[in-house]
Amino acid sequence: MTEYRLHTVGNDGHFIGSRTFTADSDDDAVVWAKQQIEDHSVELWSGPRLVRRLDPAEKRAAEAVTHTIEAGRMVPKNKT
């Protein structure tokens, strides 16, 4: 498990909040971080390394996806 920090970025570019959590991988941490986005961008850090900056538009785009592909078939997200 790796420790990550999620910083909320204010309109002026300064951090206005932060939260620490653990995840198995960067990909898992990004999935978790996307769920935490509200009205402000967030930055995901692992130690001194910036993993990714996420904007509210990315959360809206992720929510717009209604289906996934499994075994070559389109399956509604809420059914997986």
PDB file of N, CA and C in Angstrom:
ATOM      1  N   MET A   1       0.835  -1.173   0.000  1.00  0.00           N
ATOM      2  CA  MET A   1       0.000   0.000   0.000  1.00  0.00           C
ATOM      3  C   MET A   1       0.886   1.245   0.000  1.00  0.00           C
ATOM      4  N   THR A   2       0.484   2.210  -0.782  1.00  0.00           N
ATOM      5  CA  THR A   2       1.210   3.468  -0.887  1.00  0.00           C
ATOM      6  C   THR A   2       0.360   4.581  -0.300  1.00  0.00           C
ATOM      7  N   GLU A   3       0.994   5.503   0.374  1.00  0.00           N
ATOM      8  CA  GLU A   3       0.275   6.649   0.934  1.00  0.00           C
ATOM      9  C   GLU A   3       0.206   7.770  -0.102  1.00  0.00           C
ATOM     10  N   TYR A   4      -0.966   8.359  -0.222  1.00  0.00           N
ATOM     11  CA  TYR A   4      -1.213   9.463  -1.150  1.00  0.00           C
ATOM     12  C   TYR A   4      -1.804  10.639  -0.387  1.00  0.00           C
ATOM     13  N   ARG A   5      -1.638  11.830  -0.949  1.00  0.00           N
ATOM     14  CA  ARG A   5      -2.282  13.035  -0.433  1.00  0.00           C
ATOM     15  C   ARG A   5      -3.101  13.652  -1.548  1.00  0.00           C
ATOM     16  N   LEU A   6      -4.307  14.017  -1.228  1.00  0.00           N
ATOM     17  CA  LEU A   6      -5.188  14.676  -2.181  1.00  0.00           C
ATOM     18  C   LEU A   6      -5.375  16.107  -1.695  1.00  0.00           C
ATOM     19  N   HIS A   7      -4.922  17.064  -2.494  1.00  0.00           N
ATOM     20  CA  HIS A   7      -5.030  18.482  -2.133  1.00  0.00           C
ATOM     21  C   HIS A   7      -6.102  19.134  -2.999  1.00  0.00           C
ATOM     22  N   THR A   8      -7.010  19.857  -2.355  1.00  0.00           N
ATOM     23  CA  THR A   8      -8.012  20.634  -3.081  1.00  0.00           C
ATOM     24  C   THR A   8      -7.389  21.982  -3.409  1.00  0.00           C
ATOM     25  N   VAL A   9      -7.541  22.409  -4.667  1.00  0.00           N
ATOM     26  CA  VAL A   9      -6.919  23.633  -5.155  1.00  0.00           C
ATOM     27  C   VAL A   9      -7.989  24.720  -5.280  1.00  0.00           C
ATOM     28  N   GLY A  10      -7.770  25.850  -4.601  1.00  0.00           N
ATOM     29  CA  GLY A  10      -8.701  26.967  -4.662  1.00  0.00           C
ATOM     30  C   GLY A  10      -8.593  27.711  -5.982  1.00  0.00           C
ATOM     31  N   ASN A  11      -9.506  28.635  -6.184  1.00  0.00           N
ATOM     32  CA  ASN A  11      -9.527  29.422  -7.428  1.00  0.00           C
ATOM     33  C   ASN A  11      -8.254  30.239  -7.623  1.00  0.00           C
ATOM     34  N   ASP A  12      -7.565  30.550  -6.520  1.00  0.00           N
ATOM     35  CA  ASP A  12      -6.332  31.329  -6.611  1.00  0.00           C
ATOM     36  C   ASP A  12      -5.091  30.451  -6.802  1.00  0.00           C
ATOM     37  N   GLY A  13      -5.294  29.121  -6.883  1.00  0.00           N
ATOM     38  CA  GLY A  13      -4.183  28.201  -7.099  1.00  0.00           C
ATOM     39  C   GLY A  13      -3.552  27.655  -5.833  1.00  0.00           C
ATOM     40  N   HIS A  14      -3.974  28.140  -4.665  1.00  0.00           N
ATOM     41  CA  HIS A  14      -3.436  27.650  -3.397  1.00  0.00           C
ATOM     42  C   HIS A  14      -4.263  26.471  -2.892  1.00  0.00           C
ATOM     43  N   PHE A  15      -3.608  25.605  -2.131  1.00  0.00           N
ATOM     44  CA  PHE A  15      -4.317  24.473  -1.531  1.00  0.00           C
ATOM     45  C   PHE A  15      -5.279  24.991  -0.462  1.00  0.00           C
ATOM     46  N   ILE A  16      -6.514  24.511  -0.490  1.00  0.00           N
ATOM     47  CA  ILE A  16      -7.502  24.930   0.503  1.00  0.00           C
ATOM     48  C   ILE A  16      -7.955  23.760   1.379  1.00  0.00           C
ATOM     49  N   GLY A  17      -7.420  22.588   1.132  1.00  0.00           N
ATOM     50  CA  GLY A  17      -7.735  21.418   1.934  1.00  0.00           C
ATOM     51  C   GLY A  17      -6.902  20.247   1.477  1.00  0.00           C
ATOM     52  N   SER A  18      -6.780  19.248   2.335  1.00  0.00           N
ATOM     53  CA  SER A  18      -6.030  18.053   1.937  1.00  0.00           C
ATOM     54  C   SER A  18      -6.540  16.858   2.722  1.00  0.00           C
ATOM     55  N   ARG A  19      -6.226  15.711   2.188  1.00  0.00           N
ATOM     56  CA  ARG A  19      -6.649  14.450   2.791  1.00  0.00           C
ATOM     57  C   ARG A  19      -5.602  13.400   2.449  1.00  0.00           C
ATOM     58  N   THR A  20      -5.266  12.550   3.396  1.00  0.00           N
ATOM     59  CA  THR A  20      -4.293  11.478   3.195  1.00  0.00           C
ATOM     60  C   THR A  20      -5.039  10.154   3.145  1.00  0.00           C
ATOM     61  N   PHE A  21      -4.607   9.271   2.245  1.00  0.00           N
ATOM     62  CA  PHE A  21      -5.210   7.946   2.137  1.00  0.00           C
ATOM     63  C   PHE A  21      -4.191   6.986   1.557  1.00  0.00           C
ATOM     64  N   THR A  22      -4.503   5.700   1.571  1.00  0.00           N
ATOM     65  CA  THR A  22      -3.619   4.698   0.983  1.00  0.00           C
ATOM     66  C   THR A  22      -4.345   3.985  -0.146  1.00  0.00           C
ATOM     67  N   ALA A  23      -3.572   3.520  -1.109  1.00  0.00           N
ATOM     68  CA  ALA A  23      -4.111   2.767  -2.243  1.00  0.00           C
ATOM     69  C   ALA A  23      -3.042   1.801  -2.729  1.00  0.00           C
ATOM     70  N   ASP A  24      -3.480   0.788  -3.471  1.00  0.00           N
ATOM     71  CA  ASP A  24      -2.562  -0.226  -3.981  1.00  0.00           C
ATOM     72  C   ASP A  24      -1.712   0.269  -5.142  1.00  0.00           C
ATOM     73  N   SER A  25      -2.231   1.242  -5.907  1.00  0.00           N
ATOM     74  CA  SER A  25      -1.506   1.711  -7.097  1.00  0.00           C
ATOM     75  C   SER A  25      -1.942   3.132  -7.428  1.00  0.00           C
ATOM     76  N   ASP A  26      -1.192   3.777  -8.319  1.00  0.00           N
ATOM     77  CA  ASP A  26      -1.580   5.108  -8.795  1.00  0.00           C
ATOM     78  C   ASP A  26      -2.957   5.063  -9.450  1.00  0.00           C
ATOM     79  N   ASP A  27      -3.211   4.029 -10.234  1.00  0.00           N
ATOM     80  CA  ASP A  27      -4.509   3.924 -10.916  1.00  0.00           C
ATOM     81  C   ASP A  27      -5.656   3.863  -9.912  1.00  0.00           C
ATOM     82  N   ASP A  28      -5.494   3.072  -8.851  1.00  0.00           N
ATOM     83  CA  ASP A  28      -6.531   2.996  -7.819  1.00  0.00           C
ATOM     84  C   ASP A  28      -6.689   4.336  -7.108  1.00  0.00           C
ATOM     85  N   ALA A  29      -5.578   5.007  -6.869  1.00  0.00           N
ATOM     86  CA  ALA A  29      -5.634   6.311  -6.203  1.00  0.00           C
ATOM     87  C   ALA A  29      -6.354   7.337  -7.067  1.00  0.00           C
ATOM     88  N   VAL A  30      -6.130   7.301  -8.370  1.00  0.00           N
ATOM     89  CA  VAL A  30      -6.809   8.231  -9.283  1.00  0.00           C
ATOM     90  C   VAL A  30      -8.312   7.969  -9.277  1.00  0.00           C
ATOM     91  N   VAL A  31      -8.720   6.717  -9.287  1.00  0.00           N
ATOM     92  CA  VAL A  31     -10.147   6.384  -9.241  1.00  0.00           C
ATOM     93  C   VAL A  31     -10.772   6.962  -7.977  1.00  0.00           C
ATOM     94  N   TRP A  32     -10.103   6.771  -6.840  1.00  0.00           N
ATOM     95  CA  TRP A  32     -10.615   7.288  -5.577  1.00  0.00           C
ATOM     96  C   TRP A  32     -10.662   8.811  -5.603  1.00  0.00           C
ATOM     97  N   ALA A  33      -9.593   9.426  -6.119  1.00  0.00           N
ATOM     98  CA  ALA A  33      -9.513  10.888  -6.158  1.00  0.00           C
ATOM     99  C   ALA A  33     -10.624  11.484  -7.018  1.00  0.00           C
ATOM    100  N   LYS A  34     -10.937  10.859  -8.145  1.00  0.00           N
ATOM    101  CA  LYS A  34     -12.008  11.367  -9.011  1.00  0.00           C
ATOM    102  C   LYS A  34     -13.337  11.418  -8.271  1.00  0.00           C
ATOM    103  N   GLN A  35     -13.556  10.497  -7.351  1.00  0.00           N
ATOM    104  CA  GLN A  35     -14.804  10.468  -6.594  1.00  0.00           C
ATOM    105  C   GLN A  35     -14.866  11.598  -5.567  1.00  0.00           C
ATOM    106  N   GLN A  36     -13.727  12.191  -5.238  1.00  0.00           N
ATOM    107  CA  GLN A  36     -13.679  13.251  -4.229  1.00  0.00           C
ATOM    108  C   GLN A  36     -13.821  14.647  -4.829  1.00  0.00           C
ATOM    109  N   ILE A  37     -13.766  14.760  -6.143  1.00  0.00           N
ATOM    110  CA  ILE A  37     -13.832  16.070  -6.794  1.00  0.00           C
ATOM    111  C   ILE A  37     -15.220  16.668  -6.602  1.00  0.00           C
ATOM    112  N   GLU A  38     -15.248  17.928  -6.222  1.00  0.00           N
ATOM    113  CA  GLU A  38     -16.513  18.645  -6.136  1.00  0.00           C
ATOM    114  C   GLU A  38     -16.432  19.857  -7.048  1.00  0.00           C
ATOM    115  N   ASP A  39     -16.292  21.044  -6.478  1.00  0.00           N
ATOM    116  CA  ASP A  39     -16.283  22.267  -7.286  1.00  0.00           C
ATOM    117  C   ASP A  39     -14.888  22.752  -7.660  1.00  0.00           C
ATOM    118  N   HIS A  40     -13.866  22.164  -7.060  1.00  0.00           N
ATOM    119  CA  HIS A  40     -12.498  22.625  -7.287  1.00  0.00           C
ATOM    120  C   HIS A  40     -11.638  21.503  -7.854  1.00  0.00           C
ATOM    121  N   SER A  41     -10.567  21.903  -8.504  1.00  0.00           N
ATOM    122  CA  SER A  41      -9.583  20.935  -8.973  1.00  0.00           C
ATOM    123  C   SER A  41      -8.879  20.330  -7.764  1.00  0.00           C
ATOM    124  N   VAL A  42      -8.289  19.164  -7.972  1.00  0.00           N
ATOM    125  CA  VAL A  42      -7.506  18.514  -6.930  1.00  0.00           C
ATOM    126  C   VAL A  42      -6.177  18.068  -7.520  1.00  0.00           C
ATOM    127  N   GLU A  43      -5.181  17.965  -6.658  1.00  0.00           N
ATOM    128  CA  GLU A  43      -3.887  17.410  -7.045  1.00  0.00           C
ATOM    129  C   GLU A  43      -3.630  16.180  -6.203  1.00  0.00           C
ATOM    130  N   LEU A  44      -3.241  15.105  -6.849  1.00  0.00           N
ATOM    131  CA  LEU A  44      -2.939  13.844  -6.192  1.00  0.00           C
ATOM    132  C   LEU A  44      -1.426  13.688  -6.126  1.00  0.00           C
ATOM    133  N   TRP A  45      -0.911  13.541  -4.903  1.00  0.00           N
ATOM    134  CA  TRP A  45       0.526  13.427  -4.681  1.00  0.00           C
ATOM    135  C   TRP A  45       0.864  12.121  -3.980  1.00  0.00           C
ATOM    136  N   SER A  46       2.023  11.576  -4.308  1.00  0.00           N
ATOM    137  CA  SER A  46       2.596  10.445  -3.595  1.00  0.00           C
ATOM    138  C   SER A  46       3.999  10.889  -3.186  1.00  0.00           C
ATOM    139  N   GLY A  47       4.160  11.235  -1.922  1.00  0.00           N
ATOM    140  CA  GLY A  47       5.425  11.807  -1.476  1.00  0.00           C
ATOM    141  C   GLY A  47       5.675  13.098  -2.235  1.00  0.00           C
ATOM    142  N   PRO A  48       6.887  13.289  -2.762  1.00  0.00           N
ATOM    143  CA  PRO A  48       7.187  14.520  -3.495  1.00  0.00           C
ATOM    144  C   PRO A  48       6.730  14.486  -4.966  1.00  0.00           C
ATOM    145  N   ARG A  49       6.102  13.394  -5.378  1.00  0.00           N
ATOM    146  CA  ARG A  49       5.744  13.196  -6.788  1.00  0.00           C
ATOM    147  C   ARG A  49       4.270  13.552  -7.035  1.00  0.00           C
ATOM    148  N   LEU A  50       4.043  14.475  -7.971  1.00  0.00           N
ATOM    149  CA  LEU A  50       2.688  14.787  -8.411  1.00  0.00           C
ATOM    150  C   LEU A  50       2.231  13.653  -9.322  1.00  0.00           C
ATOM    151  N   VAL A  51       1.180  12.956  -8.906  1.00  0.00           N
ATOM    152  CA  VAL A  51       0.655  11.844  -9.693  1.00  0.00           C
ATOM    153  C   VAL A  51      -0.225  12.380 -10.810  1.00  0.00           C
ATOM    154  N   ARG A  52      -1.148  13.282 -10.439  1.00  0.00           N
ATOM    155  CA  ARG A  52      -2.066  13.807 -11.451  1.00  0.00           C
ATOM    156  C   ARG A  52      -2.871  14.958 -10.869  1.00  0.00           C
ATOM    157  N   ARG A  53      -3.205  15.905 -11.724  1.00  0.00           N
ATOM    158  CA  ARG A  53      -4.135  16.976 -11.379  1.00  0.00           C
ATOM    159  C   ARG A  53      -5.466  16.628 -12.039  1.00  0.00           C
ATOM    160  N   LEU A  54      -6.541  16.733 -11.291  1.00  0.00           N
ATOM    161  CA  LEU A  54      -7.869  16.381 -11.789  1.00  0.00           C
ATOM    162  C   LEU A  54      -8.791  17.587 -11.659  1.00  0.00           C
ATOM    163  N   ASP A  55      -9.548  17.840 -12.694  1.00  0.00           N
ATOM    164  CA  ASP A  55     -10.466  18.964 -12.715  1.00  0.00           C
ATOM    165  C   ASP A  55     -11.906  18.484 -12.622  1.00  0.00           C
ATOM    166  N   PRO A  56     -12.826  19.330 -12.145  1.00  0.00           N
ATOM    167  CA  PRO A  56     -14.232  18.936 -12.040  1.00  0.00           C
ATOM    168  C   PRO A  56     -14.814  18.409 -13.356  1.00  0.00           C
ATOM    169  N   ALA A  57     -14.344  18.904 -14.487  1.00  0.00           N
ATOM    170  CA  ALA A  57     -14.851  18.431 -15.780  1.00  0.00           C
ATOM    171  C   ALA A  57     -14.569  16.948 -15.974  1.00  0.00           C
ATOM    172  N   GLU A  58     -13.456  16.440 -15.421  1.00  0.00           N
ATOM    173  CA  GLU A  58     -13.134  15.016 -15.551  1.00  0.00           C
ATOM    174  C   GLU A  58     -14.135  14.153 -14.787  1.00  0.00           C
ATOM    175  N   LYS A  59     -14.602  14.639 -13.654  1.00  0.00           N
ATOM    176  CA  LYS A  59     -15.592  13.883 -12.890  1.00  0.00           C
ATOM    177  C   LYS A  59     -16.903  13.821 -13.670  1.00  0.00           C
ATOM    178  N   ARG A  60     -17.309  14.953 -14.239  1.00  0.00           N
ATOM    179  CA  ARG A  60     -18.551  14.968 -15.018  1.00  0.00           C
ATOM    180  C   ARG A  60     -18.439  14.036 -16.221  1.00  0.00           C
ATOM    181  N   ALA A  61     -17.281  14.012 -16.862  1.00  0.00           N
ATOM    182  CA  ALA A  61     -17.093  13.137 -18.025  1.00  0.00           C
ATOM    183  C   ALA A  61     -17.144  11.672 -17.598  1.00  0.00           C
ATOM    184  N   ALA A  62     -16.546  11.347 -16.454  1.00  0.00           N
ATOM    185  CA  ALA A  62     -16.564   9.963 -15.971  1.00  0.00           C
ATOM    186  C   ALA A  62     -17.974   9.532 -15.613  1.00  0.00           C
ATOM    187  N   GLU A  63     -18.773  10.440 -15.072  1.00  0.00           N
ATOM    188  CA  GLU A  63     -20.151  10.111 -14.710  1.00  0.00           C
ATOM    189  C   GLU A  63     -21.022   9.921 -15.938  1.00  0.00           C
ATOM    190  N   ALA A  64     -20.614  10.506 -17.070  1.00  0.00           N
ATOM    191  CA  ALA A  64     -21.402  10.419 -18.292  1.00  0.00           C
ATOM    192  C   ALA A  64     -21.304   9.035 -18.934  1.00  0.00           C
ATOM    193  N   VAL A  65     -20.276   8.273 -18.574  1.00  0.00           N
ATOM    194  CA  VAL A  65     -20.104   6.940 -19.131  1.00  0.00           C
ATOM    195  C   VAL A  65     -21.116   6.000 -18.472  1.00  0.00           C
ATOM    196  N   THR A  66     -21.990   5.438 -19.269  1.00  0.00           N
ATOM    197  CA  THR A  66     -23.060   4.603 -18.721  1.00  0.00           C
ATOM    198  C   THR A  66     -22.833   3.119 -18.922  1.00  0.00           C
ATOM    199  N   HIS A  67     -21.881   2.745 -19.802  1.00  0.00           N
ATOM    200  CA  HIS A  67     -21.642   1.334 -20.093  1.00  0.00           C
ATOM    201  C   HIS A  67     -20.152   1.032 -20.097  1.00  0.00           C
ATOM    202  N   THR A  68     -19.826  -0.222 -19.858  1.00  0.00           N
ATOM    203  CA  THR A  68     -18.455  -0.701 -19.994  1.00  0.00           C
ATOM    204  C   THR A  68     -18.464  -1.850 -21.011  1.00  0.00           C
ATOM    205  N   ILE A  69     -17.291  -2.222 -21.475  1.00  0.00           N
ATOM    206  CA  ILE A  69     -17.170  -3.342 -22.402  1.00  0.00           C
ATOM    207  C   ILE A  69     -16.596  -4.526 -21.633  1.00  0.00           C
ATOM    208  N   GLU A  70     -17.325  -5.620 -21.619  1.00  0.00           N
ATOM    209  CA  GLU A  70     -16.869  -6.848 -20.966  1.00  0.00           C
ATOM    210  C   GLU A  70     -17.042  -8.004 -21.925  1.00  0.00           C
ATOM    211  N   ALA A  71     -15.943  -8.700 -22.156  1.00  0.00           N
ATOM    212  CA  ALA A  71     -15.955  -9.855 -23.064  1.00  0.00           C
ATOM    213  C   ALA A  71     -16.579  -9.485 -24.404  1.00  0.00           C
ATOM    214  N   GLY A  72     -16.263  -8.283 -24.883  1.00  0.00           N
ATOM    215  CA  GLY A  72     -16.749  -7.845 -26.195  1.00  0.00           C
ATOM    216  C   GLY A  72     -18.198  -7.390 -26.223  1.00  0.00           C
ATOM    217  N   ARG A  73     -18.837  -7.274 -25.066  1.00  0.00           N
ATOM    218  CA  ARG A  73     -20.237  -6.844 -25.002  1.00  0.00           C
ATOM    219  C   ARG A  73     -20.363  -5.578 -24.175  1.00  0.00           C
ATOM    220  N   MET A  74     -21.292  -4.704 -24.566  1.00  0.00           N
ATOM    221  CA  MET A  74     -21.564  -3.495 -23.811  1.00  0.00           C
ATOM    222  C   MET A  74     -22.508  -3.843 -22.647  1.00  0.00           C
ATOM    223  N   VAL A  75     -22.069  -3.477 -21.430  1.00  0.00           N
ATOM    224  CA  VAL A  75     -22.831  -3.808 -20.232  1.00  0.00           C
ATOM    225  C   VAL A  75     -23.076  -2.498 -19.463  1.00  0.00           C
ATOM    226  N   PRO A  76     -24.310  -2.240 -19.024  1.00  0.00           N
ATOM    227  CA  PRO A  76     -24.556  -1.025 -18.220  1.00  0.00           C
ATOM    228  C   PRO A  76     -23.665  -1.012 -16.981  1.00  0.00           C
ATOM    229  N   LYS A  77     -23.098   0.168 -16.639  1.00  0.00           N
ATOM    230  CA  LYS A  77     -22.185   0.265 -15.505  1.00  0.00           C
ATOM    231  C   LYS A  77     -22.797  -0.220 -14.206  1.00  0.00           C
ATOM    232  N   ASN A  78     -24.059   0.088 -13.963  1.00  0.00           N
ATOM    233  CA  ASN A  78     -24.646  -0.287 -12.690  1.00  0.00           C
ATOM    234  C   ASN A  78     -24.936  -1.787 -12.600  1.00  0.00           C
ATOM    235  N   LYS A  79     -24.721  -2.525 -13.656  1.00  0.00           N
ATOM    236  CA  LYS A  79     -24.954  -3.978 -13.656  1.00  0.00           C
ATOM    237  C   LYS A  79     -23.671  -4.761 -13.443  1.00  0.00           C
ATOM    238  N   THR A  80     -22.518  -4.086 -13.393  1.00  0.00           N
ATOM    239  CA  THR A  80     -21.241  -4.809 -13.253  1.00  0.00           C
ATOM    240  C   THR A  80     -20.853  -4.970 -11.819  1.00  0.00           C
TER     241      THR A  80
END
